Amino acid sequence: MPIDVLVEGLLFYKSAPQKKQTVMKLFGISDLELGTAIETLKVRLVSGATRLVETADEIQLVTCSELAPVIEAMRKSELKA
């Protein structure tokens, strides 16, 4: 299975930022391999509902900013119910 798919699955499952070092150790990959997977994943996600956010040490899946009004409306509706 491609590394970018493994990383996406991990981030979806964890629903929280993950340390790059932890991801590399978990999948037995190098910094270069993770970097390539991150770039591939960013490209794949660019037109979907989620995005990959990367800092120097961590990566995380987040909802795209364009969905903020829809999510806010759903949240308000749920609070009223």
PDB file of N, CA and C in Angstrom:
ATOM      1  N   MET A   1       0.848  -1.174   0.000  1.00  0.00           N
ATOM      2  CA  MET A   1       0.000   0.000   0.000  1.00  0.00           C
ATOM      3  C   MET A   1       0.900   1.247   0.000  1.00  0.00           C
ATOM      4  N   PRO A   2       0.555   2.256  -0.779  1.00  0.00           N
ATOM      5  CA  PRO A   2       1.382   3.474  -0.832  1.00  0.00           C
ATOM      6  C   PRO A   2       1.469   4.159   0.540  1.00  0.00           C
ATOM      7  N   ILE A   3       2.612   4.758   0.803  1.00  0.00           N
ATOM      8  CA  ILE A   3       2.842   5.389   2.100  1.00  0.00           C
ATOM      9  C   ILE A   3       1.864   6.535   2.345  1.00  0.00           C
ATOM     10  N   ASP A   4       1.532   7.308   1.308  1.00  0.00           N
ATOM     11  CA  ASP A   4       0.602   8.420   1.507  1.00  0.00           C
ATOM     12  C   ASP A   4      -0.762   7.922   1.982  1.00  0.00           C
ATOM     13  N   VAL A   5      -1.187   6.756   1.511  1.00  0.00           N
ATOM     14  CA  VAL A   5      -2.457   6.173   1.938  1.00  0.00           C
ATOM     15  C   VAL A   5      -2.361   5.713   3.394  1.00  0.00           C
ATOM     16  N   LEU A   6      -1.237   5.119   3.748  1.00  0.00           N
ATOM     17  CA  LEU A   6      -1.031   4.707   5.145  1.00  0.00           C
ATOM     18  C   LEU A   6      -1.055   5.910   6.087  1.00  0.00           C
ATOM     19  N   VAL A   7      -0.386   6.983   5.689  1.00  0.00           N
ATOM     20  CA  VAL A   7      -0.345   8.196   6.507  1.00  0.00           C
ATOM     21  C   VAL A   7      -1.752   8.781   6.642  1.00  0.00           C
ATOM     22  N   GLU A   8      -2.489   8.840   5.542  1.00  0.00           N
ATOM     23  CA  GLU A   8      -3.853   9.360   5.582  1.00  0.00           C
ATOM     24  C   GLU A   8      -4.724   8.529   6.522  1.00  0.00           C
ATOM     25  N   GLY A   9      -4.618   7.220   6.430  1.00  0.00           N
ATOM     26  CA  GLY A   9      -5.392   6.342   7.298  1.00  0.00           C
ATOM     27  C   GLY A   9      -5.058   6.549   8.758  1.00  0.00           C
ATOM     28  N   LEU A  10      -3.782   6.677   9.066  1.00  0.00           N
ATOM     29  CA  LEU A  10      -3.348   6.917  10.441  1.00  0.00           C
ATOM     30  C   LEU A  10      -3.913   8.233  10.969  1.00  0.00           C
ATOM     31  N   LEU A  11      -3.781   9.294  10.181  1.00  0.00           N
ATOM     32  CA  LEU A  11      -4.257  10.609  10.612  1.00  0.00           C
ATOM     33  C   LEU A  11      -5.767  10.635  10.787  1.00  0.00           C
ATOM     34  N   PHE A  12      -6.475   9.946   9.903  1.00  0.00           N
ATOM     35  CA  PHE A  12      -7.930   9.864  10.027  1.00  0.00           C
ATOM     36  C   PHE A  12      -8.305   9.110  11.305  1.00  0.00           C
ATOM     37  N   TYR A  13      -7.640   8.000  11.531  1.00  0.00           N
ATOM     38  CA  TYR A  13      -7.911   7.178  12.717  1.00  0.00           C
ATOM     39  C   TYR A  13      -7.606   7.929  14.014  1.00  0.00           C
ATOM     40  N   LYS A  14      -6.472   8.599  14.062  1.00  0.00           N
ATOM     41  CA  LYS A  14      -6.037   9.270  15.284  1.00  0.00           C
ATOM     42  C   LYS A  14      -6.795  10.568  15.543  1.00  0.00           C
ATOM     43  N   SER A  15      -7.228  11.259  14.489  1.00  0.00           N
ATOM     44  CA  SER A  15      -7.968  12.532  14.615  1.00  0.00           C
ATOM     45  C   SER A  15      -7.239  13.560  15.470  1.00  0.00           C
ATOM     46  N   ALA A  16      -5.926  13.551  15.416  1.00  0.00           N
ATOM     47  CA  ALA A  16      -5.113  14.484  16.192  1.00  0.00           C
ATOM     48  C   ALA A  16      -3.759  14.614  15.501  1.00  0.00           C
ATOM     49  N   PRO A  17      -3.039  15.702  15.770  1.00  0.00           N
ATOM     50  CA  PRO A  17      -1.705  15.843  15.182  1.00  0.00           C
ATOM     51  C   PRO A  17      -0.815  14.666  15.556  1.00  0.00           C
ATOM     52  N   GLN A  18       0.026  14.268  14.624  1.00  0.00           N
ATOM     53  CA  GLN A  18       0.953  13.165  14.858  1.00  0.00           C
ATOM     54  C   GLN A  18       2.383  13.640  14.622  1.00  0.00           C
ATOM     55  N   LYS A  19       3.274  13.244  15.490  1.00  0.00           N
ATOM     56  CA  LYS A  19       4.686  13.579  15.338  1.00  0.00           C
ATOM     57  C   LYS A  19       5.239  12.850  14.115  1.00  0.00           C
ATOM     58  N   LYS A  20       5.974  13.568  13.300  1.00  0.00           N
ATOM     59  CA  LYS A  20       6.580  12.965  12.109  1.00  0.00           C
ATOM     60  C   LYS A  20       7.499  11.803  12.497  1.00  0.00           C
ATOM     61  N   GLN A  21       8.260  11.976  13.564  1.00  0.00           N
ATOM     62  CA  GLN A  21       9.170  10.922  13.999  1.00  0.00           C
ATOM     63  C   GLN A  21       8.401   9.640  14.350  1.00  0.00           C
ATOM     64  N   THR A  22       7.248   9.801  14.970  1.00  0.00           N
ATOM     65  CA  THR A  22       6.422   8.649  15.332  1.00  0.00           C
ATOM     66  C   THR A  22       5.912   7.942  14.079  1.00  0.00           C
ATOM     67  N   VAL A  23       5.471   8.723  13.097  1.00  0.00           N
ATOM     68  CA  VAL A  23       4.965   8.158  11.843  1.00  0.00           C
ATOM     69  C   VAL A  23       6.073   7.406  11.111  1.00  0.00           C
ATOM     70  N   MET A  24       7.258   7.994  11.067  1.00  0.00           N
ATOM     71  CA  MET A  24       8.382   7.338  10.395  1.00  0.00           C
ATOM     72  C   MET A  24       8.731   6.021  11.075  1.00  0.00           C
ATOM     73  N   LYS A  25       8.738   6.028  12.390  1.00  0.00           N
ATOM     74  CA  LYS A  25       9.057   4.810  13.134  1.00  0.00           C
ATOM     75  C   LYS A  25       7.979   3.746  12.931  1.00  0.00           C
ATOM     76  N   LEU A  26       6.706   4.161  12.991  1.00  0.00           N
ATOM     77  CA  LEU A  26       5.591   3.235  12.843  1.00  0.00           C
ATOM     78  C   LEU A  26       5.628   2.504  11.503  1.00  0.00           C
ATOM     79  N   PHE A  27       5.921   3.249  10.425  1.00  0.00           N
ATOM     80  CA  PHE A  27       5.905   2.656   9.092  1.00  0.00           C
ATOM     81  C   PHE A  27       7.294   2.230   8.606  1.00  0.00           C
ATOM     82  N   GLY A  28       8.316   2.473   9.414  1.00  0.00           N
ATOM     83  CA  GLY A  28       9.667   2.079   9.034  1.00  0.00           C
ATOM     84  C   GLY A  28      10.153   2.793   7.787  1.00  0.00           C
ATOM     85  N   ILE A  29       9.925   4.111   7.747  1.00  0.00           N
ATOM     86  CA  ILE A  29      10.298   4.901   6.570  1.00  0.00           C
ATOM     87  C   ILE A  29      11.256   6.025   6.948  1.00  0.00           C
ATOM     88  N   SER A  30      11.912   6.559   5.946  1.00  0.00           N
ATOM     89  CA  SER A  30      12.873   7.646   6.151  1.00  0.00           C
ATOM     90  C   SER A  30      12.165   8.999   6.106  1.00  0.00           C
ATOM     91  N   ASP A  31      12.906  10.013   6.491  1.00  0.00           N
ATOM     92  CA  ASP A  31      12.419  11.385   6.423  1.00  0.00           C
ATOM     93  C   ASP A  31      12.062  11.737   4.982  1.00  0.00           C
ATOM     94  N   LEU A  32      12.884  11.331   4.049  1.00  0.00           N
ATOM     95  CA  LEU A  32      12.640  11.599   2.624  1.00  0.00           C
ATOM     96  C   LEU A  32      11.357  10.911   2.154  1.00  0.00           C
ATOM     97  N   GLU A  33      11.170   9.661   2.551  1.00  0.00           N
ATOM     98  CA  GLU A  33       9.956   8.930   2.159  1.00  0.00           C
ATOM     99  C   GLU A  33       8.704   9.571   2.742  1.00  0.00           C
ATOM    100  N   LEU A  34       8.785  10.016   3.992  1.00  0.00           N
ATOM    101  CA  LEU A  34       7.644  10.687   4.600  1.00  0.00           C
ATOM    102  C   LEU A  34       7.371  12.007   3.895  1.00  0.00           C
ATOM    103  N   GLY A  35       8.414  12.747   3.591  1.00  0.00           N
ATOM    104  CA  GLY A  35       8.247  14.019   2.881  1.00  0.00           C
ATOM    105  C   GLY A  35       7.563  13.843   1.537  1.00  0.00           C
ATOM    106  N   THR A  36       7.955  12.812   0.809  1.00  0.00           N
ATOM    107  CA  THR A  36       7.329  12.517  -0.480  1.00  0.00           C
ATOM    108  C   THR A  36       5.863  12.132  -0.285  1.00  0.00           C
ATOM    109  N   ALA A  37       5.584  11.319   0.716  1.00  0.00           N
ATOM    110  CA  ALA A  37       4.215  10.903   1.004  1.00  0.00           C
ATOM    111  C   ALA A  37       3.347  12.102   1.391  1.00  0.00           C
ATOM    112  N   ILE A  38       3.899  13.007   2.174  1.00  0.00           N
ATOM    113  CA  ILE A  38       3.170  14.211   2.590  1.00  0.00           C
ATOM    114  C   ILE A  38       2.818  15.054   1.379  1.00  0.00           C
ATOM    115  N   GLU A  39       3.767  15.272   0.500  1.00  0.00           N
ATOM    116  CA  GLU A  39       3.498  16.072  -0.699  1.00  0.00           C
ATOM    117  C   GLU A  39       2.453  15.399  -1.589  1.00  0.00           C
ATOM    118  N   THR A  40       2.549  14.090  -1.750  1.00  0.00           N
ATOM    119  CA  THR A  40       1.569  13.347  -2.548  1.00  0.00           C
ATOM    120  C   THR A  40       0.182  13.475  -1.932  1.00  0.00           C
ATOM    121  N   LEU A  41       0.106  13.331  -0.625  1.00  0.00           N
ATOM    122  CA  LEU A  41      -1.172  13.431   0.064  1.00  0.00           C
ATOM    123  C   LEU A  41      -1.756  14.836  -0.046  1.00  0.00           C
ATOM    124  N   LYS A  42      -0.935  15.848   0.096  1.00  0.00           N
ATOM    125  CA  LYS A  42      -1.413  17.230  -0.050  1.00  0.00           C
ATOM    126  C   LYS A  42      -2.051  17.446  -1.420  1.00  0.00           C
ATOM    127  N   VAL A  43      -1.404  16.935  -2.457  1.00  0.00           N
ATOM    128  CA  VAL A  43      -1.927  17.080  -3.822  1.00  0.00           C
ATOM    129  C   VAL A  43      -3.253  16.335  -3.963  1.00  0.00           C
ATOM    130  N   ARG A  44      -3.326  15.125  -3.430  1.00  0.00           N
ATOM    131  CA  ARG A  44      -4.556  14.341  -3.530  1.00  0.00           C
ATOM    132  C   ARG A  44      -5.720  15.002  -2.803  1.00  0.00           C
ATOM    133  N   LEU A  45      -5.451  15.664  -1.700  1.00  0.00           N
ATOM    134  CA  LEU A  45      -6.509  16.229  -0.868  1.00  0.00           C
ATOM    135  C   LEU A  45      -6.945  17.626  -1.290  1.00  0.00           C
ATOM    136  N   VAL A  46      -6.254  18.241  -2.205  1.00  0.00           N
ATOM    137  CA  VAL A  46      -6.495  19.644  -2.536  1.00  0.00           C
ATOM    138  C   VAL A  46      -7.926  19.927  -3.002  1.00  0.00           C
ATOM    139  N   SER A  47      -8.605  18.966  -3.568  1.00  0.00           N
ATOM    140  CA  SER A  47      -9.957  19.213  -4.067  1.00  0.00           C
ATOM    141  C   SER A  47     -11.034  18.544  -3.216  1.00  0.00           C
ATOM    142  N   GLY A  48     -10.669  18.034  -2.057  1.00  0.00           N
ATOM    143  CA  GLY A  48     -11.637  17.341  -1.196  1.00  0.00           C
ATOM    144  C   GLY A  48     -12.017  18.160   0.019  1.00  0.00           C
ATOM    145  N   ALA A  49     -12.638  17.505   0.965  1.00  0.00           N
ATOM    146  CA  ALA A  49     -13.128  18.164   2.178  1.00  0.00           C
ATOM    147  C   ALA A  49     -12.060  18.304   3.247  1.00  0.00           C
ATOM    148  N   THR A  50     -10.973  17.563   3.133  1.00  0.00           N
ATOM    149  CA  THR A  50      -9.914  17.639   4.138  1.00  0.00           C
ATOM    150  C   THR A  50      -8.610  18.113   3.516  1.00  0.00           C
ATOM    151  N   ARG A  51      -7.760  18.635   4.369  1.00  0.00           N
ATOM    152  CA  ARG A  51      -6.433  19.093   3.963  1.00  0.00           C
ATOM    153  C   ARG A  51      -5.416  18.528   4.942  1.00  0.00           C
ATOM    154  N   LEU A  52      -4.185  18.475   4.499  1.00  0.00           N
ATOM    155  CA  LEU A  52      -3.088  18.061   5.362  1.00  0.00           C
ATOM    156  C   LEU A  52      -2.341  19.310   5.801  1.00  0.00           C
ATOM    157  N   VAL A  53      -2.244  19.487   7.109  1.00  0.00           N
ATOM    158  CA  VAL A  53      -1.492  20.605   7.671  1.00  0.00           C
ATOM    159  C   VAL A  53      -0.191  20.046   8.214  1.00  0.00           C
ATOM    160  N   GLU A  54       0.898  20.718   7.876  1.00  0.00           N
ATOM    161  CA  GLU A  54       2.234  20.262   8.276  1.00  0.00           C
ATOM    162  C   GLU A  54       2.965  21.367   9.012  1.00  0.00           C
ATOM    163  N   THR A  55       3.548  21.019  10.144  1.00  0.00           N
ATOM    164  CA  THR A  55       4.464  21.916  10.846  1.00  0.00           C
ATOM    165  C   THR A  55       5.847  21.279  10.771  1.00  0.00           C
ATOM    166  N   ALA A  56       6.792  21.863  11.444  1.00  0.00           N
ATOM    167  CA  ALA A  56       8.147  21.305  11.417  1.00  0.00           C
ATOM    168  C   ALA A  56       8.190  19.897  11.991  1.00  0.00           C
ATOM    169  N   ASP A  57       7.354  19.628  13.005  1.00  0.00           N
ATOM    170  CA  ASP A  57       7.415  18.351  13.714  1.00  0.00           C
ATOM    171  C   ASP A  57       6.194  17.456  13.572  1.00  0.00           C
ATOM    172  N   GLU A  58       5.051  18.030  13.115  1.00  0.00           N
ATOM    173  CA  GLU A  58       3.799  17.274  13.124  1.00  0.00           C
ATOM    174  C   GLU A  58       3.035  17.392  11.814  1.00  0.00           C
ATOM    175  N   ILE A  59       2.102  16.458  11.635  1.00  0.00           N
ATOM    176  CA  ILE A  59       1.158  16.506  10.527  1.00  0.00           C
ATOM    177  C   ILE A  59      -0.230  16.211  11.071  1.00  0.00           C
ATOM    178  N   GLN A  60      -1.265  16.765  10.394  1.00  0.00           N
ATOM    179  CA  GLN A  60      -2.628  16.584  10.860  1.00  0.00           C
ATOM    180  C   GLN A  60      -3.590  16.764   9.701  1.00  0.00           C
ATOM    181  N   LEU A  61      -4.686  16.001   9.715  1.00  0.00           N
ATOM    182  CA  LEU A  61      -5.775  16.212   8.771  1.00  0.00           C
ATOM    183  C   LEU A  61      -6.746  17.209   9.385  1.00  0.00           C
ATOM    184  N   VAL A  62      -7.197  18.175   8.582  1.00  0.00           N
ATOM    185  CA  VAL A  62      -8.163  19.167   9.032  1.00  0.00           C
ATOM    186  C   VAL A  62      -9.223  19.352   7.950  1.00  0.00           C
ATOM    187  N   THR A  63     -10.354  19.902   8.342  1.00  0.00           N
ATOM    188  CA  THR A  63     -11.399  20.229   7.378  1.00  0.00           C
ATOM    189  C   THR A  63     -10.975  21.476   6.608  1.00  0.00           C
ATOM    190  N   CYS A  64     -11.265  21.497   5.314  1.00  0.00           N
ATOM    191  CA  CYS A  64     -10.878  22.660   4.507  1.00  0.00           C
ATOM    192  C   CYS A  64     -11.653  23.891   4.968  1.00  0.00           C
ATOM    193  N   SER A  65     -11.036  25.038   4.861  1.00  0.00           N
ATOM    194  CA  SER A  65     -11.625  26.279   5.360  1.00  0.00           C
ATOM    195  C   SER A  65     -12.908  26.653   4.624  1.00  0.00           C
ATOM    196  N   GLU A  66     -13.049  26.218   3.386  1.00  0.00           N
ATOM    197  CA  GLU A  66     -14.242  26.540   2.606  1.00  0.00           C
ATOM    198  C   GLU A  66     -15.508  25.914   3.212  1.00  0.00           C
ATOM    199  N   LEU A  67     -15.342  24.876   4.017  1.00  0.00           N
ATOM    200  CA  LEU A  67     -16.486  24.218   4.654  1.00  0.00           C
ATOM    201  C   LEU A  67     -16.871  24.836   5.996  1.00  0.00           C
ATOM    202  N   ALA A  68     -16.124  25.812   6.460  1.00  0.00           N
ATOM    203  CA  ALA A  68     -16.375  26.402   7.774  1.00  0.00           C
ATOM    204  C   ALA A  68     -17.821  26.882   7.942  1.00  0.00           C
ATOM    205  N   PRO A  69     -18.411  27.604   6.978  1.00  0.00           N
ATOM    206  CA  PRO A  69     -19.792  28.051   7.168  1.00  0.00           C
ATOM    207  C   PRO A  69     -20.788  26.885   7.273  1.00  0.00           C
ATOM    208  N   VAL A  70     -20.584  25.849   6.492  1.00  0.00           N
ATOM    209  CA  VAL A  70     -21.472  24.685   6.522  1.00  0.00           C
ATOM    210  C   VAL A  70     -21.348  23.960   7.861  1.00  0.00           C
ATOM    211  N   ILE A  71     -20.122  23.759   8.308  1.00  0.00           N
ATOM    212  CA  ILE A  71     -19.895  23.077   9.581  1.00  0.00           C
ATOM    213  C   ILE A  71     -20.464  23.887  10.741  1.00  0.00           C
ATOM    214  N   GLU A  72     -20.284  25.190  10.690  1.00  0.00           N
ATOM    215  CA  GLU A  72     -20.817  26.057  11.744  1.00  0.00           C
ATOM    216  C   GLU A  72     -22.342  25.975  11.776  1.00  0.00           C
ATOM    217  N   ALA A  73     -22.988  25.961  10.617  1.00  0.00           N
ATOM    218  CA  ALA A  73     -24.450  25.859  10.556  1.00  0.00           C
ATOM    219  C   ALA A  73     -24.910  24.521  11.122  1.00  0.00           C
ATOM    220  N   MET A  74     -24.193  23.429  10.800  1.00  0.00           N
ATOM    221  CA  MET A  74     -24.547  22.114  11.337  1.00  0.00           C
ATOM    222  C   MET A  74     -24.378  22.092  12.843  1.00  0.00           C
ATOM    223  N   ARG A  75     -23.292  22.687  13.327  1.00  0.00           N
ATOM    224  CA  ARG A  75     -23.030  22.722  14.768  1.00  0.00           C
ATOM    225  C   ARG A  75     -24.132  23.462  15.508  1.00  0.00           C
ATOM    226  N   LYS A  76     -24.537  24.626  14.970  1.00  0.00           N
ATOM    227  CA  LYS A  76     -25.604  25.412  15.597  1.00  0.00           C
ATOM    228  C   LYS A  76     -26.920  24.637  15.589  1.00  0.00           C
ATOM    229  N   SER A  77     -27.205  23.949  14.494  1.00  0.00           N
ATOM    230  CA  SER A  77     -28.428  23.167  14.385  1.00  0.00           C
ATOM    231  C   SER A  77     -28.432  22.050  15.426  1.00  0.00           C
ATOM    232  N   GLU A  78     -27.306  21.406  15.621  1.00  0.00           N
ATOM    233  CA  GLU A  78     -27.201  20.319  16.603  1.00  0.00           C
ATOM    234  C   GLU A  78     -27.362  20.848  18.024  1.00  0.00           C
ATOM    235  N   LEU A  79     -26.841  22.035  18.290  1.00  0.00           N
ATOM    236  CA  LEU A  79     -26.968  22.616  19.628  1.00  0.00           C
ATOM    237  C   LEU A  79     -28.415  22.964  19.954  1.00  0.00           C
ATOM    238  N   LYS A  80     -29.173  23.365  18.928  1.00  0.00           N
ATOM    239  CA  LYS A  80     -30.585  23.717  19.133  1.00  0.00           C
ATOM    240  C   LYS A  80     -31.435  22.480  19.400  1.00  0.00           C
ATOM    241  N   ALA A  81     -30.996  21.356  18.852  1.00  0.00           N
ATOM    242  CA  ALA A  81     -31.809  20.121  18.968  1.00  0.00           C
ATOM    243  C   ALA A  81     -31.758  19.478  20.307  1.00  0.00           C
TER     244      ALA A  81
END
